[in-house]
Amino acid sequence: METKAALKALSALAHDTRLAVYRYLVEVGPEGVHAGAIAERLGLPGATLSFHLKELSHAELVESQQEGRFVRYIANLTTVQAMVAYLTETCCGGRPEMCVPVATPLPLPMVKRKPARPQ
């Protein structure tokens, strides 16, 4: 990953709403979800969500698929994996085998969320 692409992705994720959208899309998985379901789940007005999805798409963090009148959004995990690789490529002085695995998620505190509605 080039530095400009890493900066674009990091900048896109450096906003609470975009980070929440991206994390929700990761949670949903590879089937993705329609924009309306994202708006409902996160309590966002359509215009606000549209703006943030455009920024995430521009940074290649989400992909979209047109389905008639609806658009399905899917997290692009490849971009985040490339970003993590970019950030850790010189880990431990170029000896990554000495570093703790970077893909192991740390336990997070419980967060209250709205219950998911069937789509």
N, C-alpha and C. Protein backbone atom coordinates (compact mmCIF):
# COMPACT_ATOMS: atom_id res chain seq x y z
N MET A 1 0.85 -1.17 0.00
CA MET A 1 0.00 0.00 0.00
C MET A 1 0.89 1.23 0.00
N GLU A 2 0.52 2.19 -0.81
CA GLU A 2 1.24 3.45 -0.86
C GLU A 2 0.84 4.34 0.32
N THR A 3 1.71 5.25 0.68
CA THR A 3 1.44 6.15 1.79
C THR A 3 0.16 6.94 1.58
N LYS A 4 -0.06 7.46 0.37
CA LYS A 4 -1.28 8.24 0.10
C LYS A 4 -2.54 7.42 0.35
N ALA A 5 -2.54 6.17 -0.07
CA ALA A 5 -3.70 5.31 0.13
C ALA A 5 -3.91 5.02 1.61
N ALA A 6 -2.83 4.81 2.35
CA ALA A 6 -2.93 4.57 3.79
C ALA A 6 -3.50 5.81 4.48
N LEU A 7 -3.03 6.98 4.10
CA LEU A 7 -3.54 8.22 4.70
C LEU A 7 -5.01 8.43 4.39
N LYS A 8 -5.41 8.11 3.17
CA LYS A 8 -6.82 8.25 2.78
C LYS A 8 -7.70 7.33 3.63
N ALA A 9 -7.27 6.08 3.81
CA ALA A 9 -8.05 5.13 4.60
C ALA A 9 -8.08 5.53 6.07
N LEU A 10 -6.93 5.92 6.61
CA LEU A 10 -6.89 6.34 8.01
C LEU A 10 -7.73 7.58 8.24
N SER A 11 -7.68 8.52 7.31
CA SER A 11 -8.49 9.74 7.43
C SER A 11 -9.98 9.42 7.40
N ALA A 12 -10.36 8.51 6.52
CA ALA A 12 -11.77 8.14 6.42
C ALA A 12 -12.27 7.50 7.72
N LEU A 13 -11.43 6.69 8.34
CA LEU A 13 -11.84 6.01 9.57
C LEU A 13 -11.70 6.89 10.80
N ALA A 14 -11.08 8.05 10.66
CA ALA A 14 -10.85 8.94 11.80
C ALA A 14 -12.06 9.84 12.08
N HIS A 15 -13.24 9.31 11.90
CA HIS A 15 -14.48 10.03 12.19
C HIS A 15 -15.42 9.03 12.84
N ASP A 16 -16.04 9.42 13.94
CA ASP A 16 -16.84 8.46 14.70
C ASP A 16 -17.96 7.81 13.90
N THR A 17 -18.64 8.57 13.05
CA THR A 17 -19.73 7.99 12.27
C THR A 17 -19.20 7.02 11.22
N ARG A 18 -18.15 7.40 10.51
CA ARG A 18 -17.60 6.50 9.48
C ARG A 18 -17.02 5.25 10.11
N LEU A 19 -16.40 5.38 11.25
CA LEU A 19 -15.87 4.21 11.94
C LEU A 19 -17.01 3.28 12.35
N ALA A 20 -18.09 3.85 12.85
CA ALA A 20 -19.25 3.04 13.24
C ALA A 20 -19.86 2.34 12.03
N VAL A 21 -19.96 3.03 10.91
CA VAL A 21 -20.50 2.42 9.69
C VAL A 21 -19.61 1.28 9.25
N TYR A 22 -18.31 1.52 9.21
CA TYR A 22 -17.38 0.48 8.76
C TYR A 22 -17.44 -0.74 9.70
N ARG A 23 -17.43 -0.50 11.00
CA ARG A 23 -17.48 -1.62 11.95
C ARG A 23 -18.77 -2.41 11.81
N TYR A 24 -19.88 -1.71 11.55
CA TYR A 24 -21.14 -2.42 11.35
C TYR A 24 -21.08 -3.28 10.09
N LEU A 25 -20.50 -2.74 9.02
CA LEU A 25 -20.38 -3.53 7.79
C LEU A 25 -19.48 -4.75 7.99
N VAL A 26 -18.45 -4.61 8.78
CA VAL A 26 -17.59 -5.76 9.10
C VAL A 26 -18.40 -6.79 9.89
N GLU A 27 -19.20 -6.31 10.83
CA GLU A 27 -20.03 -7.19 11.65
C GLU A 27 -21.03 -7.96 10.78
N VAL A 28 -21.62 -7.28 9.81
CA VAL A 28 -22.62 -7.89 8.94
C VAL A 28 -21.99 -9.01 8.10
N GLY A 29 -20.76 -8.80 7.67
CA GLY A 29 -20.07 -9.83 6.90
C GLY A 29 -20.12 -9.60 5.41
N PRO A 30 -19.67 -10.59 4.65
CA PRO A 30 -19.48 -10.43 3.21
C PRO A 30 -20.77 -10.26 2.41
N GLU A 31 -21.92 -10.55 2.99
CA GLU A 31 -23.16 -10.34 2.25
C GLU A 31 -23.55 -8.86 2.22
N GLY A 32 -22.99 -8.06 3.12
CA GLY A 32 -23.28 -6.63 3.14
C GLY A 32 -24.71 -6.35 3.55
N VAL A 33 -25.10 -5.09 3.40
CA VAL A 33 -26.43 -4.67 3.84
C VAL A 33 -26.83 -3.42 3.05
N HIS A 34 -28.13 -3.23 2.90
CA HIS A 34 -28.63 -2.03 2.21
C HIS A 34 -28.43 -0.79 3.07
N ALA A 35 -28.31 0.34 2.41
CA ALA A 35 -28.08 1.61 3.10
C ALA A 35 -29.15 1.90 4.14
N GLY A 36 -30.40 1.59 3.83
CA GLY A 36 -31.48 1.84 4.78
C GLY A 36 -31.30 1.10 6.09
N ALA A 37 -30.79 -0.11 6.02
CA ALA A 37 -30.55 -0.89 7.24
C ALA A 37 -29.42 -0.29 8.06
N ILE A 38 -28.41 0.25 7.39
CA ILE A 38 -27.30 0.91 8.09
C ILE A 38 -27.85 2.15 8.81
N ALA A 39 -28.63 2.95 8.09
CA ALA A 39 -29.19 4.17 8.67
C ALA A 39 -30.05 3.85 9.89
N GLU A 40 -30.86 2.82 9.77
CA GLU A 40 -31.74 2.45 10.88
C GLU A 40 -30.93 1.95 12.07
N ARG A 41 -29.97 1.09 11.81
CA ARG A 41 -29.17 0.51 12.89
C ARG A 41 -28.39 1.57 13.66
N LEU A 42 -27.83 2.53 12.91
CA LEU A 42 -26.99 3.55 13.55
C LEU A 42 -27.72 4.85 13.86
N GLY A 43 -29.00 4.91 13.49
CA GLY A 43 -29.79 6.10 13.77
C GLY A 43 -29.32 7.33 13.02
N LEU A 44 -29.01 7.14 11.73
CA LEU A 44 -28.49 8.24 10.91
C LEU A 44 -29.50 8.68 9.86
N PRO A 45 -29.61 9.98 9.62
CA PRO A 45 -30.43 10.44 8.49
C PRO A 45 -29.78 9.99 7.18
N GLY A 46 -30.61 9.76 6.17
CA GLY A 46 -30.12 9.26 4.89
C GLY A 46 -29.03 10.12 4.27
N ALA A 47 -29.21 11.44 4.30
CA ALA A 47 -28.22 12.33 3.68
C ALA A 47 -26.88 12.25 4.40
N THR A 48 -26.92 12.15 5.71
CA THR A 48 -25.68 12.03 6.49
C THR A 48 -24.99 10.72 6.16
N LEU A 49 -25.75 9.64 6.13
CA LEU A 49 -25.17 8.33 5.82
C LEU A 49 -24.57 8.34 4.41
N SER A 50 -25.28 8.92 3.47
CA SER A 50 -24.80 8.98 2.09
C SER A 50 -23.44 9.67 2.01
N PHE A 51 -23.30 10.78 2.71
CA PHE A 51 -22.04 11.51 2.74
C PHE A 51 -20.91 10.62 3.27
N HIS A 52 -21.17 9.94 4.38
CA HIS A 52 -20.13 9.12 5.00
C HIS A 52 -19.80 7.88 4.15
N LEU A 53 -20.81 7.29 3.53
CA LEU A 53 -20.55 6.15 2.65
C LEU A 53 -19.72 6.57 1.44
N LYS A 54 -19.95 7.78 0.94
CA LYS A 54 -19.15 8.30 -0.17
C LYS A 54 -17.69 8.42 0.24
N GLU A 55 -17.44 8.91 1.44
CA GLU A 55 -16.06 9.06 1.93
C GLU A 55 -15.41 7.69 2.11
N LEU A 56 -16.14 6.73 2.65
CA LEU A 56 -15.60 5.38 2.82
C LEU A 56 -15.34 4.72 1.47
N SER A 57 -16.22 4.95 0.51
CA SER A 57 -16.04 4.40 -0.83
C SER A 57 -14.82 5.02 -1.51
N HIS A 58 -14.67 6.33 -1.35
CA HIS A 58 -13.53 7.04 -1.94
C HIS A 58 -12.20 6.49 -1.40
N ALA A 59 -12.20 6.09 -0.14
CA ALA A 59 -11.00 5.52 0.48
C ALA A 59 -10.89 4.02 0.22
N GLU A 60 -11.80 3.47 -0.58
CA GLU A 60 -11.82 2.05 -0.92
C GLU A 60 -12.02 1.14 0.29
N LEU A 61 -12.74 1.65 1.29
CA LEU A 61 -13.04 0.86 2.47
C LEU A 61 -14.36 0.13 2.37
N VAL A 62 -15.24 0.60 1.48
CA VAL A 62 -16.50 -0.10 1.23
C VAL A 62 -16.72 -0.21 -0.27
N GLU A 63 -17.44 -1.25 -0.64
CA GLU A 63 -17.84 -1.45 -2.02
C GLU A 63 -19.36 -1.41 -2.06
N SER A 64 -19.90 -1.04 -3.20
CA SER A 64 -21.35 -0.99 -3.32
C SER A 64 -21.81 -1.79 -4.53
N GLN A 65 -23.01 -2.33 -4.40
CA GLN A 65 -23.64 -3.09 -5.48
C GLN A 65 -25.05 -2.57 -5.65
N GLN A 66 -25.37 -2.14 -6.85
CA GLN A 66 -26.72 -1.66 -7.15
C GLN A 66 -27.65 -2.87 -7.26
N GLU A 67 -28.77 -2.81 -6.58
CA GLU A 67 -29.78 -3.87 -6.62
C GLU A 67 -31.14 -3.21 -6.84
N GLY A 68 -31.45 -2.94 -8.08
CA GLY A 68 -32.70 -2.23 -8.38
C GLY A 68 -32.63 -0.82 -7.83
N ARG A 69 -33.59 -0.48 -6.98
CA ARG A 69 -33.62 0.86 -6.37
C ARG A 69 -32.69 0.98 -5.18
N PHE A 70 -32.16 -0.13 -4.71
CA PHE A 70 -31.36 -0.15 -3.48
C PHE A 70 -29.88 -0.35 -3.80
N VAL A 71 -29.06 0.06 -2.84
CA VAL A 71 -27.62 -0.15 -2.94
C VAL A 71 -27.18 -0.94 -1.72
N ARG A 72 -26.46 -2.02 -1.98
CA ARG A 72 -25.92 -2.86 -0.91
C ARG A 72 -24.46 -2.46 -0.69
N TYR A 73 -24.08 -2.26 0.57
CA TYR A 73 -22.72 -1.88 0.91
C TYR A 73 -22.02 -3.03 1.62
N ILE A 74 -20.75 -3.22 1.28
CA ILE A 74 -19.96 -4.32 1.80
C ILE A 74 -18.61 -3.76 2.23
N ALA A 75 -18.14 -4.16 3.40
CA ALA A 75 -16.82 -3.74 3.87
C ALA A 75 -15.75 -4.34 2.98
N ASN A 76 -14.78 -3.54 2.57
CA ASN A 76 -13.65 -4.02 1.77
C ASN A 76 -12.51 -4.32 2.75
N LEU A 77 -12.44 -5.55 3.18
CA LEU A 77 -11.44 -5.94 4.17
C LEU A 77 -10.03 -5.91 3.61
N THR A 78 -9.90 -6.04 2.30
CA THR A 78 -8.58 -6.03 1.68
C THR A 78 -7.85 -4.72 1.95
N THR A 79 -8.58 -3.60 1.90
CA THR A 79 -7.96 -2.30 2.15
C THR A 79 -7.45 -2.21 3.58
N VAL A 80 -8.25 -2.64 4.55
CA VAL A 80 -7.81 -2.58 5.94
C VAL A 80 -6.65 -3.53 6.19
N GLN A 81 -6.68 -4.70 5.59
CA GLN A 81 -5.56 -5.62 5.75
C GLN A 81 -4.28 -5.03 5.17
N ALA A 82 -4.39 -4.37 4.03
CA ALA A 82 -3.22 -3.72 3.43
C ALA A 82 -2.73 -2.57 4.31
N MET A 83 -3.67 -1.85 4.93
CA MET A 83 -3.29 -0.75 5.81
C MET A 83 -2.55 -1.28 7.04
N VAL A 84 -3.04 -2.35 7.63
CA VAL A 84 -2.38 -2.94 8.79
C VAL A 84 -0.99 -3.44 8.39
N ALA A 85 -0.89 -4.06 7.23
CA ALA A 85 0.42 -4.53 6.75
C ALA A 85 1.37 -3.35 6.55
N TYR A 86 0.85 -2.25 5.99
CA TYR A 86 1.66 -1.04 5.79
C TYR A 86 2.16 -0.50 7.13
N LEU A 87 1.28 -0.46 8.12
CA LEU A 87 1.64 0.09 9.43
C LEU A 87 2.61 -0.80 10.19
N THR A 88 2.60 -2.08 9.90
CA THR A 88 3.42 -3.02 10.67
C THR A 88 4.57 -3.65 9.88
N GLU A 89 4.80 -3.18 8.65
CA GLU A 89 5.81 -3.84 7.83
C GLU A 89 7.21 -3.75 8.41
N THR A 90 7.49 -2.77 9.24
CA THR A 90 8.81 -2.67 9.85
C THR A 90 8.77 -3.05 11.33
N CYS A 91 7.72 -3.78 11.71
CA CYS A 91 7.55 -4.20 13.09
C CYS A 91 8.78 -4.95 13.59
N CYS A 92 9.22 -4.62 14.78
CA CYS A 92 10.35 -5.29 15.42
C CYS A 92 11.60 -5.23 14.56
N GLY A 93 11.85 -4.08 13.95
CA GLY A 93 13.06 -3.91 13.15
C GLY A 93 13.11 -4.79 11.92
N GLY A 94 11.94 -5.08 11.34
CA GLY A 94 11.89 -5.91 10.14
C GLY A 94 11.85 -7.39 10.45
N ARG A 95 11.66 -7.76 11.72
CA ARG A 95 11.56 -9.17 12.10
C ARG A 95 10.17 -9.42 12.69
N PRO A 96 9.14 -9.44 11.81
CA PRO A 96 7.77 -9.53 12.31
C PRO A 96 7.47 -10.79 13.11
N GLU A 97 8.26 -11.85 12.96
CA GLU A 97 8.02 -13.07 13.72
C GLU A 97 8.19 -12.83 15.23
N MET A 98 8.86 -11.74 15.59
CA MET A 98 9.06 -11.42 17.00
C MET A 98 7.89 -10.62 17.58
N CYS A 99 7.02 -10.14 16.73
CA CYS A 99 5.90 -9.30 17.18
C CYS A 99 4.68 -10.15 17.50
N VAL A 100 3.86 -9.62 18.39
CA VAL A 100 2.58 -10.27 18.71
C VAL A 100 1.70 -10.21 17.47
N PRO A 101 0.92 -11.25 17.19
CA PRO A 101 0.04 -11.18 16.01
C PRO A 101 -0.84 -9.94 16.06
N VAL A 102 -0.85 -9.20 14.96
CA VAL A 102 -1.60 -7.95 14.92
C VAL A 102 -3.08 -8.16 14.62
N ALA A 103 -3.47 -9.32 14.17
CA ALA A 103 -4.86 -9.55 13.81
C ALA A 103 -5.68 -10.10 14.97
N THR A 104 -5.07 -10.32 16.13
CA THR A 104 -5.79 -10.84 17.27
C THR A 104 -6.53 -9.70 17.96
N PRO A 105 -7.87 -9.71 17.92
CA PRO A 105 -8.61 -8.60 18.53
C PRO A 105 -8.49 -8.62 20.04
N LEU A 106 -8.39 -7.45 20.61
CA LEU A 106 -8.38 -7.31 22.06
C LEU A 106 -9.81 -7.30 22.56
N PRO A 107 -10.04 -7.75 23.80
CA PRO A 107 -11.41 -7.69 24.33
C PRO A 107 -11.85 -6.24 24.45
N LEU A 108 -13.08 -5.98 24.06
CA LEU A 108 -13.63 -4.64 24.12
C LEU A 108 -14.70 -4.57 25.20
N PRO A 109 -14.87 -3.40 25.81
CA PRO A 109 -15.95 -3.27 26.79
C PRO A 109 -17.30 -3.44 26.11
N MET A 110 -18.26 -3.90 26.86
CA MET A 110 -19.62 -4.08 26.32
C MET A 110 -20.19 -2.73 25.93
N VAL A 111 -20.79 -2.68 24.76
CA VAL A 111 -21.42 -1.47 24.26
C VAL A 111 -22.88 -1.78 24.00
N LYS A 112 -23.77 -0.91 24.50
CA LYS A 112 -25.19 -1.11 24.22
C LYS A 112 -25.46 -0.76 22.79
N ARG A 113 -26.14 -1.64 22.06
CA ARG A 113 -26.49 -1.41 20.68
C ARG A 113 -27.98 -1.61 20.50
N LYS A 114 -28.48 -0.98 19.46
CA LYS A 114 -29.87 -1.23 19.10
C LYS A 114 -29.97 -2.65 18.59
N PRO A 115 -31.03 -3.37 18.91
CA PRO A 115 -31.15 -4.72 18.35
C PRO A 115 -31.28 -4.66 16.84
N ALA A 116 -30.64 -5.62 16.19
CA ALA A 116 -30.71 -5.68 14.72
C ALA A 116 -32.11 -6.09 14.29
N ARG A 117 -32.58 -5.46 13.23
CA ARG A 117 -33.87 -5.83 12.67
C ARG A 117 -33.65 -6.73 11.47
N PRO A 118 -34.55 -7.63 11.21
CA PRO A 118 -34.41 -8.47 10.01
C PRO A 118 -34.39 -7.58 8.77
N GLN A 119 -33.62 -8.00 7.77
CA GLN A 119 -33.48 -7.19 6.55
C GLN A 119 -34.29 -7.75 5.43
